[in-house]
C-alpha atoms as a PDB file:
ATOM      1  CA  UNK A   1     202.879 100.064 -30.558  1.00  0.00           C
ATOM      2  CA  UNK A   2     202.003  96.605 -31.789  1.00  0.00           C
ATOM      3  CA  UNK A   3     198.922  97.856 -33.364  1.00  0.00           C
ATOM      4  CA  UNK A   4     200.903 100.908 -35.943  1.00  0.00           C
ATOM      5  CA  UNK A   5     203.586  98.302 -36.840  1.00  0.00           C
ATOM      6  CA  UNK A   6     200.453  96.617 -37.744  1.00  0.00           C
ATOM      7  CA  UNK A   7     199.218  99.057 -39.515  1.00  0.00           C
ATOM      8  CA  UNK A   8     202.202 100.415 -41.489  1.00  0.00           C
ATOM      9  CA  UNK A   9     203.194  96.438 -42.449  1.00  0.00           C
ATOM     10  CA  UNK A  10     200.026  96.164 -43.946  1.00  0.00           C
ATOM     11  CA  UNK A  11     199.839  99.332 -46.045  1.00  0.00           C
ATOM     12  CA  UNK A  12     202.972  97.975 -47.429  1.00  0.00           C
ATOM     13  CA  UNK A  13     201.323  95.060 -48.482  1.00  0.00           C
ATOM     14  CA  UNK A  14     198.579  97.465 -50.039  1.00  0.00           C
ATOM     15  CA  UNK A  15     200.957  98.942 -51.877  1.00  0.00           C
ATOM     16  CA  UNK A  16     203.659  96.484 -53.095  1.00  0.00           C
ATOM     17  CA  UNK A  17     199.832  94.713 -54.125  1.00  0.00           C
ATOM     18  CA  UNK A  18     199.378  97.598 -56.198  1.00  0.00           C
ATOM     19  CA  UNK A  19     202.420  98.111 -57.793  1.00  0.00           C
ATOM     20  CA  UNK A  20     203.176  94.437 -58.740  1.00  0.00           C
ATOM     21  CA  UNK A  21     199.490  94.553 -60.501  1.00  0.00           C
ATOM     22  CA  UNK A  22     200.488  97.824 -62.509  1.00  0.00           C
ATOM     23  CA  UNK A  23     203.251  96.436 -63.655  1.00  0.00           C
ATOM     24  CA  UNK A  24     201.034  93.939 -66.270  1.00  0.00           C
ATOM     25  CA  UNK A  25     199.557  96.906 -67.601  1.00  0.00           C
ATOM     26  CA  UNK A  26     199.709  98.557 -70.750  1.00  0.00           C
ATOM     27  CA  UNK A  27     202.533 100.740 -71.238  1.00  0.00           C
ATOM     28  CA  UNK A  28     201.070 103.124 -73.973  1.00  0.00           C
ATOM     29  CA  UNK A  29     198.108 106.393 -72.789  1.00  0.00           C
ATOM     30  CA  UNK A  30     194.804 105.842 -72.950  1.00  0.00           C
ATOM     31  CA  UNK A  31     191.928 107.478 -74.569  1.00  0.00           C
ATOM     32  CA  UNK A  32     188.822 107.994 -72.977  1.00  0.00           C
ATOM     33  CA  UNK A  33     187.314 107.269 -76.154  1.00  0.00           C
ATOM     34  CA  UNK A  34     188.462 104.105 -75.688  1.00  0.00           C
ATOM     35  CA  UNK A  35     186.499 103.611 -72.699  1.00  0.00           C
ATOM     36  CA  UNK A  36     182.681 104.926 -74.105  1.00  0.00           C
ATOM     37  CA  UNK A  37     180.691 102.013 -75.553  1.00  0.00           C
ATOM     38  CA  UNK A  38     179.575 102.347 -78.966  1.00  0.00           C
ATOM     39  CA  UNK A  39     176.505 101.278 -79.921  1.00  0.00           C
ATOM     40  CA  UNK A  40     175.582  98.477 -82.303  1.00  0.00           C
ATOM     41  CA  UNK A  41     173.109  99.133 -84.890  1.00  0.00           C
ATOM     42  CA  UNK A  42     170.860  95.888 -86.898  1.00  0.00           C
ATOM     43  CA  UNK A  43     173.530  95.357 -89.611  1.00  0.00           C
ATOM     44  CA  UNK A  44     176.408  95.496 -87.184  1.00  0.00           C
ATOM     45  CA  UNK A  45     177.713  98.937 -87.856  1.00  0.00           C
ATOM     46  CA  UNK A  46     179.538 100.721 -85.475  1.00  0.00           C
ATOM     47  CA  UNK A  47     178.286 104.060 -84.624  1.00  0.00           C
ATOM     48  CA  UNK A  48     180.338 107.006 -82.392  1.00  0.00           C
ATOM     49  CA  UNK A  49     177.443 108.160 -79.678  1.00  0.00           C
ATOM     50  CA  UNK A  50     176.211 111.759 -81.012  1.00  0.00           C
ATOM     51  CA  UNK A  51     176.761 114.727 -78.581  1.00  0.00           C
ATOM     52  CA  UNK A  52     175.570 116.874 -81.386  1.00  0.00           C
ATOM     53  CA  UNK A  53     171.735 117.868 -80.480  1.00  0.00           C
ATOM     54  CA  UNK A  54     171.294 118.756 -84.057  1.00  0.00           C
ATOM     55  CA  UNK A  55     172.821 114.772 -85.071  1.00  0.00           C
ATOM     56  CA  UNK A  56     170.253 113.027 -82.939  1.00  0.00           C
ATOM     57  CA  UNK A  57     167.235 115.287 -84.134  1.00  0.00           C
ATOM     58  CA  UNK A  58     167.619 114.962 -87.952  1.00  0.00           C
ATOM     59  CA  UNK A  59     167.934 111.211 -87.189  1.00  0.00           C
ATOM     60  CA  UNK A  60     165.344 110.630 -85.110  1.00  0.00           C
ATOM     61  CA  UNK A  61     162.331 113.806 -86.664  1.00  0.00           C
ATOM     62  CA  UNK A  62     160.286 112.915 -88.023  1.00  0.00           C
ATOM     63  CA  UNK A  63     160.532 109.553 -88.273  1.00  0.00           C
ATOM     64  CA  UNK A  64     159.882 108.399 -84.714  1.00  0.00           C
ATOM     65  CA  UNK A  65     157.160 110.088 -83.645  1.00  0.00           C
ATOM     66  CA  UNK A  66     154.728 109.656 -81.468  1.00  0.00           C
ATOM     67  CA  UNK A  67     151.546 112.098 -82.493  1.00  0.00           C
ATOM     68  CA  UNK A  68     149.627 113.108 -79.314  1.00  0.00           C
ATOM     69  CA  UNK A  69     146.570 115.815 -79.101  1.00  0.00           C
ATOM     70  CA  UNK A  70     148.562 118.146 -76.457  1.00  0.00           C
ATOM     71  CA  UNK A  71     145.869 119.202 -73.608  1.00  0.00           C
ATOM     72  CA  UNK A  72     147.775 121.587 -71.160  1.00  0.00           C
ATOM     73  CA  UNK A  73     151.409 122.625 -69.791  1.00  0.00           C
ATOM     74  CA  UNK A  74     151.793 121.607 -65.815  1.00  0.00           C
ATOM     75  CA  UNK A  75     154.787 123.042 -65.304  1.00  0.00           C
ATOM     76  CA  UNK A  76     158.330 123.167 -67.028  1.00  0.00           C
ATOM     77  CA  UNK A  77     158.963 119.949 -67.398  1.00  0.00           C
ATOM     78  CA  UNK A  78     155.985 118.326 -68.280  1.00  0.00           C
ATOM     79  CA  UNK A  79     152.729 118.189 -70.227  1.00  0.00           C
ATOM     80  CA  UNK A  80     149.118 116.580 -70.691  1.00  0.00           C
ATOM     81  CA  UNK A  81     148.995 115.036 -73.478  1.00  0.00           C
ATOM     82  CA  UNK A  82     145.146 113.058 -74.906  1.00  0.00           C
ATOM     83  CA  UNK A  83     143.163 112.878 -72.009  1.00  0.00           C
ATOM     84  CA  UNK A  84     145.067 112.817 -69.466  1.00  0.00           C
ATOM     85  CA  UNK A  85     148.637 111.000 -69.840  1.00  0.00           C
ATOM     86  CA  UNK A  86     151.503 113.273 -68.102  1.00  0.00           C
ATOM     87  CA  UNK A  87     154.480 113.337 -70.150  1.00  0.00           C
ATOM     88  CA  UNK A  88     158.080 114.320 -68.287  1.00  0.00           C
ATOM     89  CA  UNK A  89     160.178 115.853 -70.806  1.00  0.00           C
ATOM     90  CA  UNK A  90     163.595 113.728 -70.564  1.00  0.00           C
ATOM     91  CA  UNK A  91     167.195 114.958 -69.583  1.00  0.00           C
ATOM     92  CA  UNK A  92     165.912 118.124 -68.281  1.00  0.00           C
ATOM     93  CA  UNK A  93     164.437 119.639 -64.997  1.00  0.00           C
ATOM     94  CA  UNK A  94     162.992 122.694 -64.140  1.00  0.00           C
ATOM     95  CA  UNK A  95     162.031 124.699 -60.918  1.00  0.00           C
ATOM     96  CA  UNK A  96     159.492 123.270 -58.721  1.00  0.00           C
ATOM     97  CA  UNK A  97     156.272 124.964 -58.525  1.00  0.00           C
ATOM     98  CA  UNK A  98     153.269 122.223 -58.148  1.00  0.00           C
ATOM     99  CA  UNK A  99     155.764 120.324 -55.838  1.00  0.00           C
ATOM    100  CA  UNK A 100     153.358 119.742 -52.644  1.00  0.00           C
ATOM    101  CA  UNK A 101     154.657 120.608 -49.302  1.00  0.00           C
ATOM    102  CA  UNK A 102     157.384 123.307 -51.524  1.00  0.00           C
ATOM    103  CA  UNK A 103     157.209 126.239 -52.050  1.00  0.00           C
ATOM    104  CA  UNK A 104     157.424 128.064 -55.075  1.00  0.00           C
ATOM    105  CA  UNK A 105     161.082 128.064 -56.557  1.00  0.00           C
ATOM    106  CA  UNK A 106     162.634 130.266 -58.388  1.00  0.00           C
ATOM    107  CA  UNK A 107     162.326 130.778 -62.067  1.00  0.00           C
ATOM    108  CA  UNK A 108     159.721 128.375 -61.817  1.00  0.00           C
ATOM    109  CA  UNK A 109     157.414 130.150 -63.278  1.00  0.00           C
ATOM    110  CA  UNK A 110     159.878 131.442 -66.032  1.00  0.00           C
ATOM    111  CA  UNK A 111     160.055 128.377 -66.953  1.00  0.00           C
ATOM    112  CA  UNK A 112     155.901 127.143 -67.166  1.00  0.00           C
ATOM    113  CA  UNK A 113     155.976 130.501 -69.338  1.00  0.00           C
ATOM    114  CA  UNK A 114     158.421 129.604 -71.576  1.00  0.00           C
ATOM    115  CA  UNK A 115     157.279 125.587 -72.365  1.00  0.00           C
ATOM    116  CA  UNK A 116     154.185 127.523 -72.908  1.00  0.00           C
ATOM    117  CA  UNK A 117     154.691 130.169 -75.453  1.00  0.00           C
ATOM    118  CA  UNK A 118     156.572 127.026 -77.276  1.00  0.00           C
ATOM    119  CA  UNK A 119     153.929 124.987 -77.742  1.00  0.00           C
ATOM    120  CA  UNK A 120     151.144 127.376 -77.730  1.00  0.00           C
ATOM    121  CA  UNK A 121     148.693 126.843 -80.831  1.00  0.00           C
ATOM    122  CA  UNK A 122     149.954 123.601 -80.906  1.00  0.00           C
ATOM    123  CA  UNK A 123     146.551 120.609 -81.433  1.00  0.00           C
ATOM    124  CA  UNK A 124     149.412 117.900 -81.166  1.00  0.00           C
ATOM    125  CA  UNK A 125     152.908 117.167 -80.430  1.00  0.00           C
ATOM    126  CA  UNK A 126     155.724 114.860 -80.826  1.00  0.00           C
ATOM    127  CA  UNK A 127     156.645 112.436 -78.636  1.00  0.00           C
ATOM    128  CA  UNK A 128     160.049 109.940 -78.641  1.00  0.00           C
ATOM    129  CA  UNK A 129     161.132 108.146 -76.482  1.00  0.00           C
ATOM    130  CA  UNK A 130     164.560 107.651 -75.859  1.00  0.00           C
ATOM    131  CA  UNK A 131     166.328 103.655 -76.443  1.00  0.00           C
ATOM    132  CA  UNK A 132     168.732 104.454 -73.412  1.00  0.00           C
ATOM    133  CA  UNK A 133     166.653 105.231 -70.935  1.00  0.00           C
ATOM    134  CA  UNK A 134     162.901 103.811 -69.291  1.00  0.00           C
ATOM    135  CA  UNK A 135     159.539 104.965 -70.848  1.00  0.00           C
ATOM    136  CA  UNK A 136     157.398 105.809 -68.208  1.00  0.00           C
ATOM    137  CA  UNK A 137     158.940 106.983 -64.758  1.00  0.00           C
ATOM    138  CA  UNK A 138     157.706 105.925 -60.746  1.00  0.00           C
ATOM    139  CA  UNK A 139     154.935 108.579 -61.312  1.00  0.00           C
ATOM    140  CA  UNK A 140     153.106 106.553 -64.379  1.00  0.00           C
ATOM    141  CA  UNK A 141     154.762 109.232 -66.030  1.00  0.00           C
ATOM    142  CA  UNK A 142     155.156 109.129 -69.471  1.00  0.00           C
ATOM    143  CA  UNK A 143     159.532 109.977 -70.071  1.00  0.00           C
ATOM    144  CA  UNK A 144     159.385 111.385 -73.893  1.00  0.00           C
ATOM    145  CA  UNK A 145     161.239 113.695 -76.273  1.00  0.00           C
ATOM    146  CA  UNK A 146     158.921 117.036 -77.311  1.00  0.00           C
ATOM    147  CA  UNK A 147     158.902 118.466 -80.356  1.00  0.00           C
ATOM    148  CA  UNK A 148     156.250 120.743 -81.991  1.00  0.00           C
ATOM    149  CA  UNK A 149     154.572 119.733 -86.024  1.00  0.00           C
ATOM    150  CA  UNK A 150     157.312 122.142 -86.825  1.00  0.00           C
ATOM    151  CA  UNK A 151     160.531 120.537 -85.899  1.00  0.00           C
ATOM    152  CA  UNK A 152     161.047 122.909 -82.046  1.00  0.00           C
ATOM    153  CA  UNK A 153     162.767 120.479 -79.834  1.00  0.00           C
ATOM    154  CA  UNK A 154     161.067 121.743 -77.383  1.00  0.00           C
ATOM    155  CA  UNK A 155     163.713 119.867 -74.193  1.00  0.00           C
ATOM    156  CA  UNK A 156     166.589 120.971 -76.039  1.00  0.00           C
ATOM    157  CA  UNK A 157     165.471 124.495 -76.004  1.00  0.00           C
ATOM    158  CA  UNK A 158     164.033 124.930 -72.546  1.00  0.00           C
ATOM    159  CA  UNK A 159     167.472 123.991 -71.296  1.00  0.00           C
ATOM    160  CA  UNK A 160     169.164 126.832 -73.479  1.00  0.00           C
ATOM    161  CA  UNK A 161     166.488 129.178 -72.308  1.00  0.00           C
ATOM    162  CA  UNK A 162     168.675 128.638 -69.484  1.00  0.00           C
ATOM    163  CA  UNK A 163     165.630 127.997 -67.257  1.00  0.00           C
ATOM    164  CA  UNK A 164     165.920 124.244 -67.598  1.00  0.00           C
ATOM    165  CA  UNK A 165     168.917 122.492 -66.160  1.00  0.00           C
ATOM    166  CA  UNK A 166     170.017 119.201 -67.399  1.00  0.00           C
ATOM    167  CA  UNK A 167     168.674 116.190 -65.408  1.00  0.00           C
ATOM    168  CA  UNK A 168     171.537 114.370 -66.140  1.00  0.00           C
ATOM    169  CA  UNK A 169     171.292 111.682 -63.258  1.00  0.00           C
ATOM    170  CA  UNK A 170     169.912 108.435 -65.205  1.00  0.00           C
ATOM    171  CA  UNK A 171     170.568 107.056 -68.635  1.00  0.00           C
ATOM    172  CA  UNK A 172     169.632 108.893 -71.928  1.00  0.00           C
ATOM    173  CA  UNK A 173     171.094 108.807 -75.426  1.00  0.00           C
ATOM    174  CA  UNK A 174     171.208 113.109 -75.623  1.00  0.00           C
ATOM    175  CA  UNK A 175     173.287 113.426 -71.984  1.00  0.00           C
ATOM    176  CA  UNK A 176     176.387 115.088 -73.860  1.00  0.00           C
ATOM    177  CA  UNK A 177     174.675 117.052 -75.406  1.00  0.00           C
ATOM    178  CA  UNK A 178     171.944 118.379 -73.134  1.00  0.00           C
ATOM    179  CA  UNK A 179     175.653 118.758 -71.193  1.00  0.00           C
ATOM    180  CA  UNK A 180     176.722 120.876 -73.541  1.00  0.00           C
ATOM    181  CA  UNK A 181     173.781 123.003 -73.777  1.00  0.00           C
ATOM    182  CA  UNK A 182     173.717 123.690 -70.267  1.00  0.00           C
ATOM    183  CA  UNK A 183     176.715 124.401 -70.388  1.00  0.00           C
ATOM    184  CA  UNK A 184     177.197 126.812 -72.984  1.00  0.00           C
ATOM    185  CA  UNK A 185     173.367 129.052 -70.831  1.00  0.00           C
ATOM    186  CA  UNK A 186     175.754 129.237 -68.085  1.00  0.00           C
ATOM    187  CA  UNK A 187     177.814 130.648 -70.240  1.00  0.00           C
ATOM    188  CA  UNK A 188     175.827 133.132 -71.795  1.00  0.00           C
ATOM    189  CA  UNK A 189     174.152 134.003 -69.006  1.00  0.00           C
ATOM    190  CA  UNK A 190     170.945 133.688 -69.265  1.00  0.00           C
ATOM    191  CA  UNK A 191     167.617 132.641 -67.766  1.00  0.00           C
ATOM    192  CA  UNK A 192     168.776 131.220 -63.869  1.00  0.00           C
ATOM    193  CA  UNK A 193     172.013 131.606 -64.335  1.00  0.00           C
ATOM    194  CA  UNK A 194     171.669 135.153 -65.046  1.00  0.00           C
ATOM    195  CA  UNK A 195     172.907 135.960 -61.429  1.00  0.00           C
END
């Protein structure tokens, strides 16, 4: 009986504390935009975060390209450049086909074929580093956006095809745009979303 009274008293005190703390909050609706951090340009001008794939691409391709010799596809989200540098494509994840002790997953071979079709015939690829994310992962792979010399955005195209999903666990500039692309692929029921 005594424990129950203590617990109830404790709950009442917590409720009163929360009500008292909320009294100092502004009495108006708040927009989600007020909580989103804005990027600062070197001139200290405020730039709203972009969720449009085309806006990001036009601002970064080909200006920020690092051109590398394209060697081969490893799977649907990893390629080899130069002699043996592995590049993990930022913001996408495809079903596994080459992971040790893991069976080949559904759509993994389709994803590899799709990426191969995007990059076939390419001698060089444009790699762009993301300003918000890491440049290298824990396995030593470069983390990059991959473009062809014609400007095809391989990361975004893989999501549009439905053979990659947005890999949204880590911070990167195009996270919201990739989330939207995945949502659209699901609506259109393409690739792995067709069932």
